[in-house]
Protein backbone atom coordinates (compact mmCIF):
# COMPACT_ATOMS: atom_id res chain seq x y z
CA MET A 1 0.00 0.00 0.00
CA VAL A 2 1.29 3.47 -0.92
CA VAL A 3 0.60 6.27 1.57
CA ARG A 4 0.64 9.65 -0.11
CA ALA A 5 1.66 12.76 1.80
CA SER A 6 -0.51 14.91 -0.42
CA LYS A 7 -3.71 14.38 -2.37
CA GLU A 8 -3.50 17.63 -4.26
CA GLY A 9 -3.67 16.87 -7.98
CA ASP A 10 -2.10 14.07 -10.00
CA ILE A 11 1.61 13.97 -9.21
CA SER A 12 2.39 10.90 -11.33
CA VAL A 13 5.18 11.14 -13.94
CA LYS A 14 5.30 8.93 -17.03
CA SER A 15 7.91 6.20 -16.62
CA SER A 16 10.86 6.08 -19.05
CA GLY A 17 11.04 2.31 -18.83
CA LEU A 18 14.79 2.42 -18.10
CA SER A 19 16.52 0.31 -15.46
CA ILE A 20 18.45 1.85 -12.58
CA GLU A 21 21.73 1.14 -14.34
CA GLU A 22 20.48 2.79 -17.53
CA CYS A 23 19.26 5.84 -15.61
CA GLU A 24 22.63 6.16 -13.86
CA ALA A 25 24.48 5.84 -17.18
CA ALA A 26 22.27 8.54 -18.68
CA ALA A 27 23.00 10.82 -15.72
CA VAL A 28 26.77 10.26 -16.09
CA ALA A 29 26.48 11.13 -19.77
CA GLY A 30 24.56 14.28 -18.92
CA ASN A 31 21.33 13.08 -20.49
CA PHE A 32 18.92 14.25 -17.84
CA PRO A 33 15.17 14.13 -18.22
CA ASP A 34 13.64 17.57 -18.54
CA PRO A 35 12.52 18.88 -15.11
CA PRO A 36 9.54 21.21 -14.78
CA PRO A 37 10.49 24.78 -15.71
CA PRO A 38 11.13 27.12 -12.74
CA ARG A 39 8.21 29.35 -11.93
CA ARG A 40 8.39 32.66 -10.12
CA PRO A 41 5.01 33.96 -9.01
CA SER A 42 4.22 37.23 -10.71
CA ALA A 43 3.57 40.42 -8.75
CA PRO A 44 0.33 42.34 -9.28
CA LYS A 45 0.19 45.03 -11.93
CA GLY A 46 1.56 48.33 -10.68
CA THR A 47 4.09 46.80 -8.26
CA PRO A 48 7.21 49.04 -8.27
CA ASN A 49 10.47 47.52 -9.47
CA VAL A 50 12.90 48.11 -6.60
CA LYS A 51 16.35 46.97 -5.65
CA PRO A 52 16.22 44.33 -2.84
CA LEU A 53 16.99 45.71 0.60
CA PRO A 54 20.49 44.72 1.81
CA LEU A 55 19.18 42.61 4.72
CA THR A 56 21.31 39.93 6.35
CA ARG A 57 18.39 38.64 8.35
CA ARG A 58 14.88 38.23 7.06
CA PRO A 59 12.81 36.60 9.87
CA ARG A 60 9.88 36.18 7.48
CA ARG A 61 11.83 33.39 5.76
CA ASN A 62 11.09 31.13 8.73
CA ARG A 63 7.39 31.99 8.52
CA LYS A 64 6.84 31.59 4.77
CA SER A 65 4.96 28.26 4.79
CA PRO A 66 2.67 26.32 7.14
CA THR A 67 5.26 23.55 7.42
CA LEU A 68 8.01 25.93 8.52
CA ARG A 69 5.71 27.80 10.90
CA ASP A 70 4.71 24.52 12.56
CA ALA A 71 8.34 23.36 12.72
CA PHE A 72 9.51 26.48 14.53
CA GLN A 73 6.51 26.97 16.86
CA GLU A 74 7.90 27.63 20.33
CA THR A 75 4.77 26.96 22.42
CA ASN A 76 2.32 24.10 22.12
CA LEU A 77 -1.00 23.32 23.74
CA SER A 78 -2.38 19.87 24.46
CA ALA A 79 -5.23 18.39 26.46
CA SER A 80 -2.75 17.34 29.14
CA ASN A 81 -2.16 21.04 29.89
CA LEU A 82 -5.84 21.58 30.73
CA VAL A 83 -7.76 21.17 34.00
CA LEU A 84 -11.56 21.36 33.82
CA PRO A 85 -13.33 23.18 36.70
CA LEU A 86 -16.69 21.60 37.51
CA PHE A 87 -19.50 22.96 39.67
CA ILE A 88 -21.48 20.35 41.59
CA HIS A 89 -24.61 20.40 43.74
CA GLU A 90 -26.84 18.04 45.66
CA GLY A 91 -29.64 17.98 43.09
CA GLU A 92 -30.35 15.39 40.42
CA ASP A 93 -30.65 17.83 37.51
CA ASP A 94 -27.97 19.91 35.85
CA VAL A 95 -28.71 23.61 36.30
CA PRO A 96 -27.42 26.07 33.67
CA ILE A 97 -25.39 29.01 34.97
CA GLY A 98 -26.75 32.14 33.34
CA ALA A 99 -23.53 34.18 33.45
CA MET A 100 -21.44 31.28 32.11
CA PRO A 101 -22.97 29.90 28.89
CA GLY A 102 -22.27 26.21 28.48
CA CYS A 103 -21.51 25.67 32.18
CA TYR A 104 -23.78 23.94 34.69
CA ARG A 105 -24.15 23.06 38.32
CA LEU A 106 -23.90 19.33 37.81
CA GLY A 107 -25.79 16.75 39.80
CA TRP A 108 -23.02 14.90 41.60
CA ARG A 109 -24.39 11.40 40.92
CA HIS A 110 -25.19 11.68 37.22
CA GLY A 111 -24.28 14.93 35.48
CA LEU A 112 -20.80 14.96 37.00
CA LEU A 113 -20.00 11.47 35.75
CA GLU A 114 -21.30 12.29 32.28
CA GLU A 115 -19.28 15.50 32.03
CA VAL A 116 -16.09 13.76 33.15
CA TYR A 117 -16.74 10.98 30.62
CA LYS A 118 -16.99 13.57 27.83
CA ALA A 119 -13.85 15.33 29.02
CA ARG A 120 -11.85 12.10 29.13
CA ASP A 121 -13.08 11.24 25.64
CA VAL A 122 -11.12 14.22 24.26
CA GLY A 123 -8.07 13.74 26.47
CA VAL A 124 -8.85 15.92 29.50
CA ASN A 125 -8.20 13.74 32.54
CA SER A 126 -7.85 16.41 35.25
CA VAL A 127 -10.75 18.18 36.97
CA VAL A 128 -11.18 20.53 39.91
CA LEU A 129 -14.39 20.46 41.95
CA PHE A 130 -16.34 23.44 43.30
CA PRO A 131 -19.45 22.75 45.40
CA LYS A 132 -22.72 24.65 45.72
CA ILE A 133 -23.55 24.04 49.36
CA PRO A 134 -27.15 24.33 50.67
CA ASP A 135 -27.62 27.40 52.84
CA ALA A 136 -28.84 25.24 55.72
CA LEU A 137 -25.38 23.63 55.94
CA LYS A 138 -23.46 26.90 55.99
CA SER A 139 -22.12 28.40 59.21
CA GLN A 140 -19.78 31.17 60.24
CA ALA A 141 -17.04 28.64 61.04
CA GLY A 142 -17.66 26.61 57.87
CA ASP A 143 -17.61 23.22 59.62
CA GLU A 144 -19.33 21.51 56.68
CA ALA A 145 -16.02 21.92 54.79
CA PHE A 146 -14.56 18.91 56.60
CA ASN A 147 -17.61 16.67 56.73
CA ASP A 148 -16.31 13.33 55.40
CA ASN A 149 -19.76 12.60 54.01
CA GLY A 150 -20.14 16.07 52.52
CA LEU A 151 -20.74 16.84 48.86
CA VAL A 152 -17.11 17.06 47.76
CA PRO A 153 -15.86 13.88 49.50
CA ARG A 154 -18.82 11.94 48.11
CA ALA A 155 -18.14 13.24 44.60
CA ILE A 156 -14.44 12.38 44.88
CA ARG A 157 -15.18 8.81 45.96
CA LEU A 158 -17.69 8.39 43.14
CA LEU A 159 -15.27 9.66 40.51
CA LYS A 160 -12.39 7.56 41.78
CA ASP A 161 -14.59 4.47 41.75
CA LYS A 162 -15.67 5.11 38.15
CA TYR A 163 -12.41 6.55 36.78
CA PRO A 164 -9.51 5.45 39.01
CA ASP A 165 -6.85 7.18 36.91
CA ILE A 166 -8.48 10.61 36.89
CA VAL A 167 -6.57 13.43 38.61
CA ILE A 168 -8.83 15.30 41.04
CA TYR A 169 -7.94 18.76 42.28
CA THR A 170 -9.99 20.20 45.13
CA ASP A 171 -10.58 23.72 46.39
CA VAL A 172 -9.53 24.37 49.98
CA ALA A 173 -11.36 27.46 51.24
CA LEU A 174 -14.30 28.23 53.48
CA ASP A 175 -16.34 30.55 51.25
CA PRO A 176 -18.71 27.88 49.81
CA TYR A 177 -19.41 26.73 53.39
CA SER A 178 -19.49 30.11 55.11
CA SER A 179 -22.76 31.82 55.95
CA ASP A 180 -20.80 35.07 55.61
CA GLY A 181 -19.51 34.18 52.12
CA HIS A 182 -15.88 34.85 53.01
CA ASP A 183 -12.84 32.60 52.60
CA GLY A 184 -12.24 32.53 56.33
CA ILE A 185 -13.82 32.99 59.72
CA VAL A 186 -14.93 36.61 60.15
CA ARG A 187 -14.54 38.43 63.44
CA GLU A 188 -17.34 40.76 64.58
CA ASP A 189 -15.33 43.76 63.39
CA GLY A 190 -15.08 42.30 59.87
CA VAL A 191 -11.50 41.03 60.13
CA ILE A 192 -10.73 37.62 58.62
CA MET A 193 -9.14 35.51 61.36
CA ASN A 194 -6.02 34.02 59.76
CA ASP A 195 -4.78 31.33 62.16
CA GLU A 196 -8.23 30.08 63.16
CA THR A 197 -9.13 29.79 59.47
CA VAL A 198 -5.94 27.83 58.76
CA HIS A 199 -6.98 25.36 61.46
CA GLN A 200 -10.24 24.73 59.59
CA LEU A 201 -8.49 24.50 56.23
CA CYS A 202 -6.19 21.76 57.50
CA LYS A 203 -9.17 19.65 58.49
CA GLN A 204 -10.80 20.33 55.12
CA ALA A 205 -7.67 19.28 53.20
CA VAL A 206 -7.33 16.05 55.20
CA SER A 207 -11.00 15.22 54.61
CA GLN A 208 -10.54 15.69 50.86
CA ALA A 209 -7.35 13.60 50.85
CA ARG A 210 -9.12 10.86 52.80
CA ALA A 211 -11.79 10.74 50.08
CA GLY A 212 -9.14 10.31 47.37
CA ALA A 213 -8.15 13.80 46.18
CA ASP A 214 -4.85 13.91 44.29
CA VAL A 215 -4.14 17.64 44.68
CA VAL A 216 -5.56 19.97 47.35
CA SER A 217 -5.60 23.62 46.37
CA PRO A 218 -5.79 26.28 49.09
CA SER A 219 -7.35 29.34 47.44
CA ASP A 220 -7.94 31.36 50.60
CA MET A 221 -4.70 33.40 50.68
CA MET A 222 -4.22 32.93 54.44
CA ASP A 223 -0.65 33.27 55.68
CA GLY A 224 1.08 30.04 56.62
CA ARG A 225 -1.64 27.74 55.32
CA VAL A 226 0.62 25.74 52.97
CA SER A 227 3.01 24.58 55.70
CA ALA A 228 0.13 23.85 58.07
CA ILE A 229 -1.75 21.82 55.44
CA ARG A 230 1.42 19.95 54.49
CA ALA A 231 2.00 19.02 58.13
CA ALA A 232 -1.62 17.96 58.58
CA LEU A 233 -1.58 15.78 55.46
CA ASP A 234 1.71 14.14 56.39
CA ALA A 235 0.52 13.47 59.94
CA GLU A 236 -2.45 11.54 58.53
CA GLY A 237 -0.31 9.52 56.10
CA PHE A 238 -1.09 11.51 52.95
CA GLN A 239 2.48 12.31 51.94
CA GLU A 240 1.62 11.58 48.28
CA VAL A 241 -1.14 14.21 48.09
CA SER A 242 0.10 17.36 46.34
CA ILE A 243 -0.58 20.98 47.23
CA MET A 244 -1.35 23.49 44.49
CA SER A 245 -1.19 26.84 46.23
CA TYR A 246 -3.06 29.86 44.94
CA THR A 247 0.16 31.82 45.22
CA ALA A 248 -0.89 35.02 43.47
CA LYS A 249 -4.65 35.34 43.77
CA TYR A 250 -5.73 38.88 43.02
CA ALA A 251 -8.76 40.77 44.31
CA SER A 252 -10.22 40.77 40.82
CA ALA A 253 -13.51 41.87 39.27
CA PHE A 254 -13.21 38.92 36.88
CA TYR A 255 -14.65 36.50 39.46
CA GLY A 256 -18.26 37.69 39.21
CA PRO A 257 -19.81 34.80 37.22
CA PHE A 258 -18.11 32.22 39.48
CA ARG A 259 -19.76 33.65 42.55
CA GLU A 260 -23.13 33.39 40.83
CA ALA A 261 -22.37 29.74 40.06
CA LEU A 262 -21.76 28.92 43.72
CA ASP A 263 -23.98 31.60 45.28
CA SER A 264 -20.96 32.59 47.35
CA ASN A 265 -20.93 36.37 47.24
CA PRO A 266 -19.81 37.93 50.54
CA ARG A 267 -22.78 38.82 52.72
CA PHE A 268 -20.94 42.02 53.68
CA GLY A 269 -17.63 43.70 52.93
CA ASP A 270 -15.32 42.59 50.14
CA LYS A 271 -12.33 40.35 49.46
CA LYS A 272 -9.67 43.03 49.22
CA THR A 273 -7.28 41.00 51.38
CA PHE A 274 -6.52 39.02 48.26
CA MET A 275 -3.61 40.61 46.36
CA ASN A 276 -3.94 44.15 45.01
CA PRO A 277 -4.21 44.13 41.17
CA ALA A 278 -1.71 47.01 41.16
CA ASN A 279 1.01 44.88 42.76
CA TYR A 280 3.68 42.87 40.97
CA ARG A 281 6.65 42.36 43.29
CA GLU A 282 4.35 41.10 46.04
CA ALA A 283 3.91 37.92 44.00
CA LEU A 284 7.57 37.14 44.66
CA VAL A 285 6.97 37.36 48.42
CA GLU A 286 4.12 34.85 48.13
CA THR A 287 6.19 32.63 45.81
CA GLU A 288 9.10 32.43 48.21
CA ALA A 289 6.77 31.68 51.12
CA ASP A 290 4.83 28.94 49.31
CA GLU A 291 7.99 27.27 48.05
CA ALA A 292 9.53 27.28 51.53
CA GLU A 293 6.33 25.89 53.05
CA GLY A 294 6.19 22.90 50.69
CA ALA A 295 3.88 23.81 47.81
CA ASP A 296 4.14 21.49 44.80
CA ILE A 297 2.46 23.77 42.24
CA LEU A 298 2.12 27.57 42.20
CA LEU A 299 -1.01 29.17 40.72
CA VAL A 300 -1.80 32.64 39.37
CA LYS A 301 -5.43 33.81 39.27
CA PRO A 302 -6.79 35.35 37.02
CA ALA A 303 -4.70 34.41 33.98
CA MET A 304 -4.93 36.71 30.94
CA PRO A 305 -4.84 40.07 32.79
CA TYR A 306 -1.87 38.77 34.83
CA LEU A 307 0.39 37.17 32.22
CA ASP A 308 3.26 39.28 33.51
CA VAL A 309 2.83 37.62 36.91
CA VAL A 310 2.71 34.17 35.32
CA ARG A 311 6.04 34.95 33.65
CA LEU A 312 7.42 36.36 36.91
CA LEU A 313 6.71 33.10 38.72
CA ARG A 314 8.02 31.04 35.80
CA ASP A 315 11.32 32.96 35.84
CA ASN A 316 11.74 32.73 39.59
CA SER A 317 10.64 29.20 40.44
CA ALA A 318 11.47 25.71 39.24
CA LEU A 319 8.08 24.46 40.42
CA PRO A 320 5.22 23.82 37.96
CA ILE A 321 3.16 26.95 37.31
CA ALA A 322 -0.62 26.90 36.96
CA ALA A 323 -2.88 29.70 35.76
CA TYR A 324 -6.64 29.96 36.22
CA GLN A 325 -8.56 31.38 33.28
CA VAL A 326 -11.42 32.55 35.45
CA SER A 327 -15.14 32.86 34.87
CA GLY A 328 -15.01 36.49 33.75
CA GLU A 329 -12.42 35.72 31.10
CA TYR A 330 -14.50 32.78 29.89
CA SER A 331 -17.77 34.70 29.83
CA MET A 332 -16.30 37.65 27.91
CA ILE A 333 -15.07 35.37 25.14
CA LYS A 334 -18.42 33.57 25.08
CA ALA A 335 -20.30 36.87 24.91
CA GLY A 336 -18.06 38.23 22.15
CA GLY A 337 -18.60 35.06 20.16
CA ALA A 338 -22.37 35.08 20.65
CA LEU A 339 -22.54 38.70 19.43
CA LYS A 340 -20.32 37.84 16.43
CA MET A 341 -17.78 40.42 17.57
CA VAL A 342 -14.99 37.83 17.58
CA ASP A 343 -14.46 34.27 16.41
CA GLU A 344 -15.05 32.41 19.68
CA GLU A 345 -12.97 29.34 18.86
CA LYS A 346 -9.99 31.29 17.53
CA VAL A 347 -9.98 33.70 20.48
CA MET A 348 -10.35 30.79 22.90
CA MET A 349 -7.38 28.93 21.44
CA GLU A 350 -5.25 32.06 21.19
CA SER A 351 -5.95 32.96 24.82
CA LEU A 352 -4.92 29.50 26.02
CA LEU A 353 -1.79 29.49 23.88
CA CYS A 354 -0.81 32.90 25.27
CA ILE A 355 -1.20 31.65 28.84
CA ARG A 356 1.05 28.72 27.96
CA ARG A 357 3.56 31.06 26.29
CA ALA A 358 3.72 33.20 29.42
CA GLY A 359 4.95 30.14 31.31
CA ALA A 360 1.98 28.17 32.62
CA ASP A 361 2.39 24.40 32.67
CA ILE A 362 -1.29 23.79 33.33
CA ILE A 363 -4.37 25.94 32.80
CA LEU A 364 -7.58 25.71 34.77
CA THR A 365 -10.19 26.69 32.19
CA TYR A 366 -13.89 26.22 31.55
CA PHE A 367 -12.90 25.86 27.90
CA ALA A 368 -10.98 22.64 28.61
CA ARG A 369 -13.36 20.24 26.89
CA GLN A 370 -14.16 22.58 24.02
CA ALA A 371 -10.49 23.32 23.37
CA ALA A 372 -9.46 19.68 23.65
CA SER A 373 -12.14 18.76 21.11
CA LEU A 374 -10.52 21.12 18.63
CA LEU A 375 -7.04 19.87 19.44
CA CYS A 376 -8.03 16.29 18.65
CA GLY A 377 -9.82 17.28 15.45
CA MET A 378 -13.39 17.05 16.67
CA LYS A 379 -15.88 19.86 16.29
CA SER A 380 -16.57 21.29 19.75
CA LYS A 381 -20.08 20.96 21.11
């Protein structure tokens, strides 16, 4: 069987009927068959006739054909670089999230399994879980966060039973479980209590590890929580469970749709004790602390507006770097595509490639399944 590299046109040439020896003899004698005449594409009418510029380097030469452009591409994107965030709830039905077209609160027993099946089918084998907790289970101390029979532990056990090789990331923070809607325990004067919150986060991380989580991800931005969680995990025999620290999590306006998805808006105040969007060097302080405390992966959130911070962490740490393309980034691209202002698929793929180029090893993105479908040649749905 002959496998052709190209199907464009008939490339067959009439045989001369000569043997190899006869062909070689003809070549030695200078009797070559006539090759196709050289062809130089003509310029359009009116093109000025100019002397070529005396350029030693012409970078466009390495970009002149698709084959060369592919050969010299510096950054690549694959499904293995993508982590799919999934919202789960106690209900049976999947509930669409208005501010995030194409995203749902998934029923943990059915919709979650189906969505993970679809993701795995296109090569995405990493997910991160975010729970919508019933209001009746919320409290100011967020004790439901470390209920071993809570929504997240149940979902982890179900996924691990169905798909043992899946990589499950979990969110370690109190805001989904807090009646105040904050990432920590709030004092009566509005101050987030750092050390008391860290105590709760350690119990939450251990509960998630006990259920089968592969990577716990503290997103709360409390001081000292990485070392405390590492010690708590190790003390319970979970030395193999990784920590992905939200190292540079900014107090961003891009989180709005996410908070609708989980109904986790603060009941009062704001979340300004996350990092100031105006700050750059502060990310180095957090990087040094998280590395020293035992983090395995460092994360920047949001992604696109903070590509300089992604690059900063990449240049200053040997650890894997993650970036979270957050709900606001996702929804803007979706909205632009729906209004025909941009090509949704092209902008989606370009945004992910740019995050990779900035230095991210993995990207948490709601586009994970859609992007992976394109990468494997399937039309996204």
